[in-house]
Amino acid sequence: MHSLKNNVVVLTGAGSGIGRALALQLAARGAKLALSDIDAAALKETSSLLPHRCEARLYELDVSRREAVFAHAEQVRSDFGSVDVVVNNAGVTIIGTVEHLTIEEIEWQLGINLWGVIYGTKAFLPMLLEQRRGCIVNISSIFGLIAYPGQSAYNISKFGVRALTECLWAELEGTGVRALSVHPGGIRTAIGKIARLAAAANEVERKLAADSFEVLLTTPADDCAAAIVDGIERGKRRVLVGNRSFTAWWLPRLFPNSYTAIVRRLTTR
C-alpha cells in the first residue's frame, strides 16, 4: 500500500466531475494538491469544498497548449518542491461520425484528451524519474477499450491514452515510477450536458448521443474517484470502474472481430 499523506498530487480538470471528486478524496487522505482547470470559477468552487487543513494551490490551465503545460510543471515544482502523483484527468467530448466530423473538430478533441495527456506526462516525467519514485495516472475510458458509434474522435483520443500508458508500463520498469490506466464507464458527470455535437451531425447521431448519455451515465463520480485512489494506493496498473466497464473489457476479448456489431445493436434498441 502506498500512503498518499503529504504526497504532492497534480490534478488537471479539477473543476468538476471526476476531477472534483478526486480532489476531495485526495484531500481527505492528506495529500497536497496542485489543482488545475481551464474554468477558473469552477476550480475556485472545488477549492471551497476542500477541508481547511488541506494544502492546495490553484492554476488556470488549458492542457491543449504545450507551452502552458510545461510552464505549469515548472511552477508546481517551484511551489511544492517535488511531485509524487500526476493525474491527467482533463477531458471533453464531441459527438459525430468520422464522416461528419471536420478535421478542426477532431483536432480540438485530440488537443485536450490526447495531447493534453501527452504534454502532462512529458512535462512531469523527468521530475519523477529524477527522484526515482512517483505515479502517472492517465484517465482513458471504456471507449479506450471498445469502439462506439458516434464517438469516433473520443475513441481515438482514449485509445491513444491507453496506448501511451501501457507503453509506460514497459518503459518505466525498474525506474521506481509507475503508470496507471483508468477506464471509467458511465460516470454521472456533466459531460453529457457540455458535450459538443459535430456541426454536420444528423438526427441519428443526435438521438444516439442523447440515448447513450441517458443510459450510460449512472455511476456516481465519488465511486469512480474512490476506485482511482484505491488503484494509486495499491499500485495497480489498470482500473475498470463504472457502468458497463467490465462489459467493455470483455467484449473485444471474447468477440474481437464482431464486438462492434454487438455494441451497435445494444445502442439502437
C-alpha atoms as a PDB file:
ATOM      1  CA  MET A   1       0.000   0.000   0.000  1.00  0.00           C
ATOM      2  CA  HIS A   2       1.180   3.500  -0.859  1.00  0.00           C
ATOM      3  CA  SER A   3       0.115   6.227   1.554  1.00  0.00           C
ATOM      4  CA  LEU A   4      -0.896   9.475  -0.100  1.00  0.00           C
ATOM      5  CA  LYS A   5      -0.437  11.530   3.062  1.00  0.00           C
ATOM      6  CA  ASN A   6       1.761  14.561   2.335  1.00  0.00           C
ATOM      7  CA  ASN A   7       2.163  13.446  -1.299  1.00  0.00           C
ATOM      8  CA  VAL A   8       2.076  16.256  -3.849  1.00  0.00           C
ATOM      9  CA  VAL A   9      -0.629  15.358  -6.360  1.00  0.00           C
ATOM     10  CA  VAL A  10      -1.043  17.240  -9.647  1.00  0.00           C
ATOM     11  CA  LEU A  11      -4.615  17.012 -10.934  1.00  0.00           C
ATOM     12  CA  THR A  12      -5.971  18.505 -14.159  1.00  0.00           C
ATOM     13  CA  GLY A  13      -9.664  19.038 -14.829  1.00  0.00           C
ATOM     14  CA  ALA A  14     -10.286  19.552 -11.112  1.00  0.00           C
ATOM     15  CA  GLY A  15     -13.179  21.974 -11.597  1.00  0.00           C
ATOM     16  CA  SER A  16     -15.937  19.397 -11.913  1.00  0.00           C
ATOM     17  CA  GLY A  17     -16.944  15.762 -12.256  1.00  0.00           C
ATOM     18  CA  ILE A  18     -14.350  13.080 -11.599  1.00  0.00           C
ATOM     19  CA  GLY A  19     -11.676  15.731 -11.061  1.00  0.00           C
ATOM     20  CA  ARG A  20     -13.587  17.459  -8.272  1.00  0.00           C
ATOM     21  CA  ALA A  21     -14.413  14.123  -6.609  1.00  0.00           C
ATOM     22  CA  LEU A  22     -10.746  13.149  -6.813  1.00  0.00           C
ATOM     23  CA  ALA A  23      -9.635  16.424  -5.261  1.00  0.00           C
ATOM     24  CA  LEU A  24     -11.924  15.898  -2.281  1.00  0.00           C
ATOM     25  CA  GLN A  25     -10.877  12.289  -1.712  1.00  0.00           C
ATOM     26  CA  LEU A  26      -7.174  13.034  -2.106  1.00  0.00           C
ATOM     27  CA  ALA A  27      -7.511  15.896   0.361  1.00  0.00           C
ATOM     28  CA  ALA A  28      -9.191  13.542   2.832  1.00  0.00           C
ATOM     29  CA  ARG A  29      -6.080  11.355   2.649  1.00  0.00           C
ATOM     30  CA  GLY A  30      -3.810  14.240   3.492  1.00  0.00           C
ATOM     31  CA  ALA A  31      -2.383  14.876   0.030  1.00  0.00           C
ATOM     32  CA  LYS A  32      -1.063  18.280  -1.036  1.00  0.00           C
ATOM     33  CA  LEU A  33      -2.869  19.358  -4.181  1.00  0.00           C
ATOM     34  CA  ALA A  34      -1.857  21.225  -7.326  1.00  0.00           C
ATOM     35  CA  LEU A  35      -5.278  21.646  -8.921  1.00  0.00           C
ATOM     36  CA  SER A  36      -5.840  22.986 -12.417  1.00  0.00           C
ATOM     37  CA  ASP A  37      -8.724  23.603 -14.782  1.00  0.00           C
ATOM     38  CA  ILE A  38      -9.480  25.843 -17.740  1.00  0.00           C
ATOM     39  CA  ASP A  39     -12.517  27.149 -15.829  1.00  0.00           C
ATOM     40  CA  ALA A  40     -11.156  29.287 -13.001  1.00  0.00           C
ATOM     41  CA  ALA A  41     -14.576  29.786 -11.402  1.00  0.00           C
ATOM     42  CA  ALA A  42     -15.276  26.058 -11.265  1.00  0.00           C
ATOM     43  CA  LEU A  43     -11.818  25.451  -9.847  1.00  0.00           C
ATOM     44  CA  LYS A  44     -12.432  28.007  -7.109  1.00  0.00           C
ATOM     45  CA  GLU A  45     -15.681  26.231  -6.263  1.00  0.00           C
ATOM     46  CA  THR A  46     -13.801  22.945  -5.892  1.00  0.00           C
ATOM     47  CA  SER A  47     -11.321  24.694  -3.612  1.00  0.00           C
ATOM     48  CA  SER A  48     -14.145  25.957  -1.404  1.00  0.00           C
ATOM     49  CA  LEU A  49     -15.177  22.347  -0.748  1.00  0.00           C
ATOM     50  CA  LEU A  50     -11.748  21.211   0.454  1.00  0.00           C
ATOM     51  CA  PRO A  51     -11.083  20.786   4.181  1.00  0.00           C
ATOM     52  CA  HIS A  52      -9.356  23.801   5.751  1.00  0.00           C
ATOM     53  CA  ARG A  53      -6.302  21.740   6.679  1.00  0.00           C
ATOM     54  CA  CYS A  54      -5.653  20.801   3.035  1.00  0.00           C
ATOM     55  CA  GLU A  55      -2.679  22.467   1.339  1.00  0.00           C
ATOM     56  CA  ALA A  56      -3.820  23.273  -2.181  1.00  0.00           C
ATOM     57  CA  ARG A  57      -2.848  25.663  -4.955  1.00  0.00           C
ATOM     58  CA  LEU A  58      -4.996  26.542  -7.937  1.00  0.00           C
ATOM     59  CA  TYR A  59      -3.822  27.001 -11.519  1.00  0.00           C
ATOM     60  CA  GLU A  60      -5.847  28.089 -14.527  1.00  0.00           C
ATOM     61  CA  LEU A  61      -4.637  25.819 -17.314  1.00  0.00           C
ATOM     62  CA  ASP A  62      -5.507  24.872 -20.884  1.00  0.00           C
ATOM     63  CA  VAL A  63      -3.962  21.410 -21.255  1.00  0.00           C
ATOM     64  CA  SER A  64      -4.098  21.600 -25.061  1.00  0.00           C
ATOM     65  CA  ARG A  65      -1.372  24.297 -25.001  1.00  0.00           C
ATOM     66  CA  ARG A  66       2.046  22.655 -24.801  1.00  0.00           C
ATOM     67  CA  GLU A  67       3.918  25.710 -23.524  1.00  0.00           C
ATOM     68  CA  ALA A  68       1.317  26.267 -20.818  1.00  0.00           C
ATOM     69  CA  VAL A  69       1.563  22.686 -19.534  1.00  0.00           C
ATOM     70  CA  PHE A  70       5.371  22.738 -19.378  1.00  0.00           C
ATOM     71  CA  ALA A  71       5.297  26.120 -17.642  1.00  0.00           C
ATOM     72  CA  HIS A  72       2.737  24.679 -15.224  1.00  0.00           C
ATOM     73  CA  ALA A  73       5.113  21.830 -14.361  1.00  0.00           C
ATOM     74  CA  GLU A  74       7.877  24.270 -13.521  1.00  0.00           C
ATOM     75  CA  GLN A  75       5.513  26.391 -11.443  1.00  0.00           C
ATOM     76  CA  VAL A  76       4.363  23.347  -9.465  1.00  0.00           C
ATOM     77  CA  ARG A  77       7.984  22.358  -8.844  1.00  0.00           C
ATOM     78  CA  SER A  78       8.668  25.880  -7.613  1.00  0.00           C
ATOM     79  CA  ASP A  79       5.578  25.926  -5.382  1.00  0.00           C
ATOM     80  CA  PHE A  80       5.860  22.446  -3.878  1.00  0.00           C
ATOM     81  CA  GLY A  81       9.475  21.388  -4.402  1.00  0.00           C
ATOM     82  CA  SER A  82       8.562  17.983  -5.816  1.00  0.00           C
ATOM     83  CA  VAL A  83       5.717  15.948  -7.307  1.00  0.00           C
ATOM     84  CA  ASP A  84       4.599  12.446  -6.328  1.00  0.00           C
ATOM     85  CA  VAL A  85       1.487  11.745  -8.400  1.00  0.00           C
ATOM     86  CA  VAL A  86       0.299  13.252 -11.691  1.00  0.00           C
ATOM     87  CA  VAL A  87      -3.339  12.711 -12.674  1.00  0.00           C
ATOM     88  CA  ASN A  88      -4.026  13.644 -16.287  1.00  0.00           C
ATOM     89  CA  ASN A  89      -7.792  13.894 -15.970  1.00  0.00           C
ATOM     90  CA  ALA A  90      -8.952  16.889 -18.049  1.00  0.00           C
ATOM     91  CA  GLY A  91     -11.193  15.801 -20.898  1.00  0.00           C
ATOM     92  CA  VAL A  92     -14.057  16.717 -23.217  1.00  0.00           C
ATOM     93  CA  THR A  93     -16.096  15.004 -25.904  1.00  0.00           C
ATOM     94  CA  ILE A  94     -17.549  15.765 -29.286  1.00  0.00           C
ATOM     95  CA  ILE A  95     -20.195  13.543 -30.839  1.00  0.00           C
ATOM     96  CA  GLY A  96     -20.108  12.672 -34.507  1.00  0.00           C
ATOM     97  CA  THR A  97     -19.046  10.063 -37.015  1.00  0.00           C
ATOM     98  CA  VAL A  98     -15.749  10.165 -38.894  1.00  0.00           C
ATOM     99  CA  GLU A  99     -17.786  11.146 -41.958  1.00  0.00           C
ATOM    100  CA  HIS A 100     -19.414  14.148 -40.318  1.00  0.00           C
ATOM    101  CA  LEU A 101     -16.651  15.465 -38.054  1.00  0.00           C
ATOM    102  CA  THR A 102     -14.438  18.159 -39.531  1.00  0.00           C
ATOM    103  CA  ILE A 103     -10.676  17.979 -39.202  1.00  0.00           C
ATOM    104  CA  GLU A 104     -10.842  21.014 -36.920  1.00  0.00           C
ATOM    105  CA  GLU A 105     -13.355  19.290 -34.624  1.00  0.00           C
ATOM    106  CA  ILE A 106     -11.158  16.197 -34.400  1.00  0.00           C
ATOM    107  CA  GLU A 107      -8.121  18.364 -33.680  1.00  0.00           C
ATOM    108  CA  TRP A 108      -9.997  20.096 -30.843  1.00  0.00           C
ATOM    109  CA  GLN A 109     -10.878  16.731 -29.311  1.00  0.00           C
ATOM    110  CA  LEU A 110      -7.374  15.289 -29.599  1.00  0.00           C
ATOM    111  CA  GLY A 111      -5.787  18.527 -28.422  1.00  0.00           C
ATOM    112  CA  ILE A 112      -7.372  18.202 -24.999  1.00  0.00           C
ATOM    113  CA  ASN A 113      -7.901  14.476 -24.480  1.00  0.00           C
ATOM    114  CA  LEU A 114      -4.749  13.090 -26.074  1.00  0.00           C
ATOM    115  CA  TRP A 115      -2.168  15.837 -26.467  1.00  0.00           C
ATOM    116  CA  GLY A 116      -3.106  17.171 -23.036  1.00  0.00           C
ATOM    117  CA  VAL A 117      -2.202  13.795 -21.532  1.00  0.00           C
ATOM    118  CA  ILE A 118       0.990  13.557 -23.588  1.00  0.00           C
ATOM    119  CA  TYR A 119       2.036  17.056 -22.527  1.00  0.00           C
ATOM    120  CA  GLY A 120       1.254  16.324 -18.884  1.00  0.00           C
ATOM    121  CA  THR A 121       3.232  13.093 -18.999  1.00  0.00           C
ATOM    122  CA  LYS A 122       6.234  14.630 -20.743  1.00  0.00           C
ATOM    123  CA  ALA A 123       6.270  17.726 -18.528  1.00  0.00           C
ATOM    124  CA  PHE A 124       6.299  15.871 -15.205  1.00  0.00           C
ATOM    125  CA  LEU A 125       8.000  12.561 -16.045  1.00  0.00           C
ATOM    126  CA  PRO A 126      11.577  13.934 -15.798  1.00  0.00           C
ATOM    127  CA  MET A 127      10.919  15.033 -12.197  1.00  0.00           C
ATOM    128  CA  LEU A 128       9.581  11.617 -11.259  1.00  0.00           C
ATOM    129  CA  LEU A 129      12.469   9.788 -12.921  1.00  0.00           C
ATOM    130  CA  GLU A 130      14.989  12.072 -11.255  1.00  0.00           C
ATOM    131  CA  GLN A 131      13.657  11.223  -7.800  1.00  0.00           C
ATOM    132  CA  ARG A 132      13.080   7.552  -8.808  1.00  0.00           C
ATOM    133  CA  ARG A 133       9.546   7.453  -7.466  1.00  0.00           C
ATOM    134  CA  GLY A 134       6.062   8.570  -8.401  1.00  0.00           C
ATOM    135  CA  CYS A 135       2.974   7.637 -10.345  1.00  0.00           C
ATOM    136  CA  ILE A 136       1.388   8.901 -13.551  1.00  0.00           C
ATOM    137  CA  VAL A 137      -2.376   8.355 -13.702  1.00  0.00           C
ATOM    138  CA  ASN A 138      -3.945   8.725 -17.136  1.00  0.00           C
ATOM    139  CA  ILE A 139      -7.715   8.791 -17.460  1.00  0.00           C
ATOM    140  CA  SER A 140      -8.766   6.797 -20.502  1.00  0.00           C
ATOM    141  CA  SER A 141     -12.330   5.446 -20.785  1.00  0.00           C
ATOM    142  CA  ILE A 142     -14.316   2.356 -21.625  1.00  0.00           C
ATOM    143  CA  PHE A 143     -14.194   3.978 -25.058  1.00  0.00           C
ATOM    144  CA  GLY A 144     -10.477   3.277 -24.910  1.00  0.00           C
ATOM    145  CA  LEU A 145     -11.435  -0.408 -24.770  1.00  0.00           C
ATOM    146  CA  ILE A 146     -14.220  -0.570 -27.362  1.00  0.00           C
ATOM    147  CA  ALA A 147     -15.131   1.489 -30.401  1.00  0.00           C
ATOM    148  CA  TYR A 148     -18.507   3.165 -30.007  1.00  0.00           C
ATOM    149  CA  PRO A 149     -20.593   4.593 -32.856  1.00  0.00           C
ATOM    150  CA  GLY A 150     -20.769   8.367 -32.945  1.00  0.00           C
ATOM    151  CA  GLN A 151     -17.819   8.774 -30.578  1.00  0.00           C
ATOM    152  CA  SER A 152     -15.056   8.388 -33.158  1.00  0.00           C
ATOM    153  CA  ALA A 153     -12.834  11.305 -32.132  1.00  0.00           C
ATOM    154  CA  TYR A 154     -13.317  10.498 -28.450  1.00  0.00           C
ATOM    155  CA  ASN A 155     -12.466   6.854 -29.160  1.00  0.00           C
ATOM    156  CA  ILE A 156      -9.285   7.868 -30.955  1.00  0.00           C
ATOM    157  CA  SER A 157      -8.213  10.027 -28.023  1.00  0.00           C
ATOM    158  CA  LYS A 158      -8.966   7.446 -25.338  1.00  0.00           C
ATOM    159  CA  PHE A 159      -7.402   4.524 -27.208  1.00  0.00           C
ATOM    160  CA  GLY A 160      -4.346   6.757 -27.553  1.00  0.00           C
ATOM    161  CA  VAL A 161      -4.256   7.469 -23.812  1.00  0.00           C
ATOM    162  CA  ARG A 162      -4.455   3.751 -23.120  1.00  0.00           C
ATOM    163  CA  ALA A 163      -1.620   3.012 -25.569  1.00  0.00           C
ATOM    164  CA  LEU A 164       0.569   5.716 -24.041  1.00  0.00           C
ATOM    165  CA  THR A 165       0.022   4.365 -20.539  1.00  0.00           C
ATOM    166  CA  GLU A 166       0.655   0.743 -21.477  1.00  0.00           C
ATOM    167  CA  CYS A 167       3.902   1.797 -23.178  1.00  0.00           C
ATOM    168  CA  LEU A 168       4.893   3.428 -19.894  1.00  0.00           C
ATOM    169  CA  TRP A 169       4.348   0.124 -18.092  1.00  0.00           C
ATOM    170  CA  ALA A 170       7.159  -1.407 -20.116  1.00  0.00           C
ATOM    171  CA  GLU A 171       9.421   1.604 -20.329  1.00  0.00           C
ATOM    172  CA  LEU A 172       9.309   2.539 -16.635  1.00  0.00           C
ATOM    173  CA  GLU A 173      10.100  -0.942 -15.342  1.00  0.00           C
ATOM    174  CA  GLY A 174      12.803  -0.685 -12.679  1.00  0.00           C
ATOM    175  CA  THR A 175      12.751   3.127 -12.503  1.00  0.00           C
ATOM    176  CA  GLY A 176      10.636   3.444  -9.361  1.00  0.00           C
ATOM    177  CA  VAL A 177       7.991   5.307 -11.385  1.00  0.00           C
ATOM    178  CA  ARG A 178       4.757   3.613 -12.365  1.00  0.00           C
ATOM    179  CA  ALA A 179       1.721   4.322 -14.521  1.00  0.00           C
ATOM    180  CA  LEU A 180      -1.980   3.674 -14.045  1.00  0.00           C
ATOM    181  CA  SER A 181      -4.537   3.453 -16.855  1.00  0.00           C
ATOM    182  CA  VAL A 182      -8.085   4.282 -15.740  1.00  0.00           C
ATOM    183  CA  HIS A 183     -11.140   3.246 -17.754  1.00  0.00           C
ATOM    184  CA  PRO A 184     -14.302   4.830 -16.346  1.00  0.00           C
ATOM    185  CA  GLY A 185     -17.621   3.572 -17.626  1.00  0.00           C
ATOM    186  CA  GLY A 186     -20.770   5.640 -17.435  1.00  0.00           C
ATOM    187  CA  ILE A 187     -19.907   8.152 -14.707  1.00  0.00           C
ATOM    188  CA  ARG A 188     -22.623  10.614 -13.697  1.00  0.00           C
ATOM    189  CA  THR A 189     -20.963  13.937 -14.529  1.00  0.00           C
ATOM    190  CA  ALA A 190     -21.908  16.954 -16.633  1.00  0.00           C
ATOM    191  CA  ILE A 191     -20.085  15.610 -19.701  1.00  0.00           C
ATOM    192  CA  GLY A 192     -23.389  14.722 -21.347  1.00  0.00           C
ATOM    193  CA  LYS A 193     -24.648  18.275 -20.960  1.00  0.00           C
ATOM    194  CA  ILE A 194     -21.489  20.024 -22.129  1.00  0.00           C
ATOM    195  CA  ALA A 195     -20.589  17.600 -24.923  1.00  0.00           C
ATOM    196  CA  ARG A 196     -20.219  19.195 -28.318  1.00  0.00           C
ATOM    197  CA  LEU A 197     -22.036  17.901 -31.368  1.00  0.00           C
ATOM    198  CA  ALA A 198     -20.431  17.860 -34.781  1.00  0.00           C
ATOM    199  CA  ALA A 199     -21.748  20.739 -36.862  1.00  0.00           C
ATOM    200  CA  ALA A 200     -22.724  18.295 -39.615  1.00  0.00           C
ATOM    201  CA  ALA A 201     -24.252  15.676 -37.305  1.00  0.00           C
ATOM    202  CA  ASN A 202     -27.553  14.200 -38.482  1.00  0.00           C
ATOM    203  CA  GLU A 203     -30.638  13.245 -36.483  1.00  0.00           C
ATOM    204  CA  VAL A 204     -29.427   9.661 -35.999  1.00  0.00           C
ATOM    205  CA  GLU A 205     -26.269  10.941 -34.308  1.00  0.00           C
ATOM    206  CA  ARG A 206     -28.233  13.385 -32.187  1.00  0.00           C
ATOM    207  CA  LYS A 207     -30.565  10.660 -30.937  1.00  0.00           C
ATOM    208  CA  LEU A 208     -27.683   8.242 -30.403  1.00  0.00           C
ATOM    209  CA  ALA A 209     -25.882  10.823 -28.297  1.00  0.00           C
ATOM    210  CA  ALA A 210     -28.939  11.619 -26.186  1.00  0.00           C
ATOM    211  CA  ASP A 211     -29.823   7.964 -25.623  1.00  0.00           C
ATOM    212  CA  SER A 212     -26.247   6.975 -24.834  1.00  0.00           C
ATOM    213  CA  PHE A 213     -25.746   9.600 -22.145  1.00  0.00           C
ATOM    214  CA  GLU A 214     -29.143   8.878 -20.605  1.00  0.00           C
ATOM    215  CA  VAL A 215     -28.451   5.125 -20.383  1.00  0.00           C
ATOM    216  CA  LEU A 216     -24.735   5.115 -19.601  1.00  0.00           C
ATOM    217  CA  LEU A 217     -24.146   7.897 -17.080  1.00  0.00           C
ATOM    218  CA  THR A 218     -25.270   6.230 -13.857  1.00  0.00           C
ATOM    219  CA  THR A 219     -22.224   5.659 -11.616  1.00  0.00           C
ATOM    220  CA  PRO A 220     -21.545   8.468  -9.076  1.00  0.00           C
ATOM    221  CA  ALA A 221     -18.315  10.397  -9.590  1.00  0.00           C
ATOM    222  CA  ASP A 222     -17.408   9.714  -5.949  1.00  0.00           C
ATOM    223  CA  ASP A 223     -17.382   5.963  -6.639  1.00  0.00           C
ATOM    224  CA  CYS A 224     -15.127   6.486  -9.619  1.00  0.00           C
ATOM    225  CA  ALA A 225     -12.739   8.679  -7.630  1.00  0.00           C
ATOM    226  CA  ALA A 226     -12.611   6.128  -4.810  1.00  0.00           C
ATOM    227  CA  ALA A 227     -11.616   3.384  -7.262  1.00  0.00           C
ATOM    228  CA  ILE A 228      -8.870   5.570  -8.746  1.00  0.00           C
ATOM    229  CA  VAL A 229      -7.443   6.491  -5.344  1.00  0.00           C
ATOM    230  CA  ASP A 230      -7.538   2.819  -4.353  1.00  0.00           C
ATOM    231  CA  GLY A 231      -5.679   1.966  -7.561  1.00  0.00           C
ATOM    232  CA  ILE A 232      -2.957   4.502  -6.776  1.00  0.00           C
ATOM    233  CA  GLU A 233      -2.592   3.276  -3.203  1.00  0.00           C
ATOM    234  CA  ARG A 234      -2.470  -0.392  -4.209  1.00  0.00           C
ATOM    235  CA  GLY A 235      -0.067   0.079  -7.109  1.00  0.00           C
ATOM    236  CA  LYS A 236      -2.470  -1.169  -9.763  1.00  0.00           C
ATOM    237  CA  ARG A 237      -1.752  -0.835 -13.461  1.00  0.00           C
ATOM    238  CA  ARG A 238      -5.374  -0.624 -14.606  1.00  0.00           C
ATOM    239  CA  VAL A 239      -8.641   0.425 -13.020  1.00  0.00           C
ATOM    240  CA  LEU A 240     -12.017  -0.500 -14.503  1.00  0.00           C
ATOM    241  CA  VAL A 241     -14.837   1.374 -12.810  1.00  0.00           C
ATOM    242  CA  GLY A 242     -18.403   2.373 -13.530  1.00  0.00           C
ATOM    243  CA  ASN A 243     -21.382   1.287 -15.555  1.00  0.00           C
ATOM    244  CA  ARG A 244     -20.534  -1.167 -18.378  1.00  0.00           C
ATOM    245  CA  SER A 245     -16.785  -1.051 -17.648  1.00  0.00           C
ATOM    246  CA  PHE A 246     -16.348  -4.810 -17.271  1.00  0.00           C
ATOM    247  CA  THR A 247     -18.585  -5.449 -20.274  1.00  0.00           C
ATOM    248  CA  ALA A 248     -16.356  -3.149 -22.316  1.00  0.00           C
ATOM    249  CA  TRP A 249     -13.286  -5.017 -21.070  1.00  0.00           C
ATOM    250  CA  TRP A 250     -14.549  -8.483 -22.004  1.00  0.00           C
ATOM    251  CA  LEU A 251     -16.466  -7.849 -25.236  1.00  0.00           C
ATOM    252  CA  PRO A 252     -13.436  -7.265 -27.520  1.00  0.00           C
ATOM    253  CA  ARG A 253     -11.647 -10.212 -25.915  1.00  0.00           C
ATOM    254  CA  LEU A 254     -14.483 -12.647 -26.434  1.00  0.00           C
ATOM    255  CA  PHE A 255     -15.559 -11.271 -29.833  1.00  0.00           C
ATOM    256  CA  PRO A 256     -12.525  -9.408 -31.241  1.00  0.00           C
ATOM    257  CA  ASN A 257     -13.830  -9.165 -34.804  1.00  0.00           C
ATOM    258  CA  SER A 258     -17.552  -8.802 -34.206  1.00  0.00           C
ATOM    259  CA  TYR A 259     -17.998  -6.879 -30.938  1.00  0.00           C
ATOM    260  CA  THR A 260     -18.772  -3.649 -32.800  1.00  0.00           C
ATOM    261  CA  ALA A 261     -21.910  -5.251 -34.233  1.00  0.00           C
ATOM    262  CA  ILE A 262     -22.978  -6.232 -30.711  1.00  0.00           C
ATOM    263  CA  VAL A 263     -22.369  -2.681 -29.456  1.00  0.00           C
ATOM    264  CA  ARG A 264     -24.314  -1.278 -32.385  1.00  0.00           C
ATOM    265  CA  ARG A 265     -27.314  -3.489 -31.605  1.00  0.00           C
ATOM    266  CA  LEU A 266     -27.215  -2.516 -27.942  1.00  0.00           C
ATOM    267  CA  THR A 267     -27.175   1.200 -28.759  1.00  0.00           C
ATOM    268  CA  THR A 268     -30.029   1.099 -31.269  1.00  0.00           C
ATOM    269  CA  ARG A 269     -32.559  -0.722 -29.094  1.00  0.00           C
END
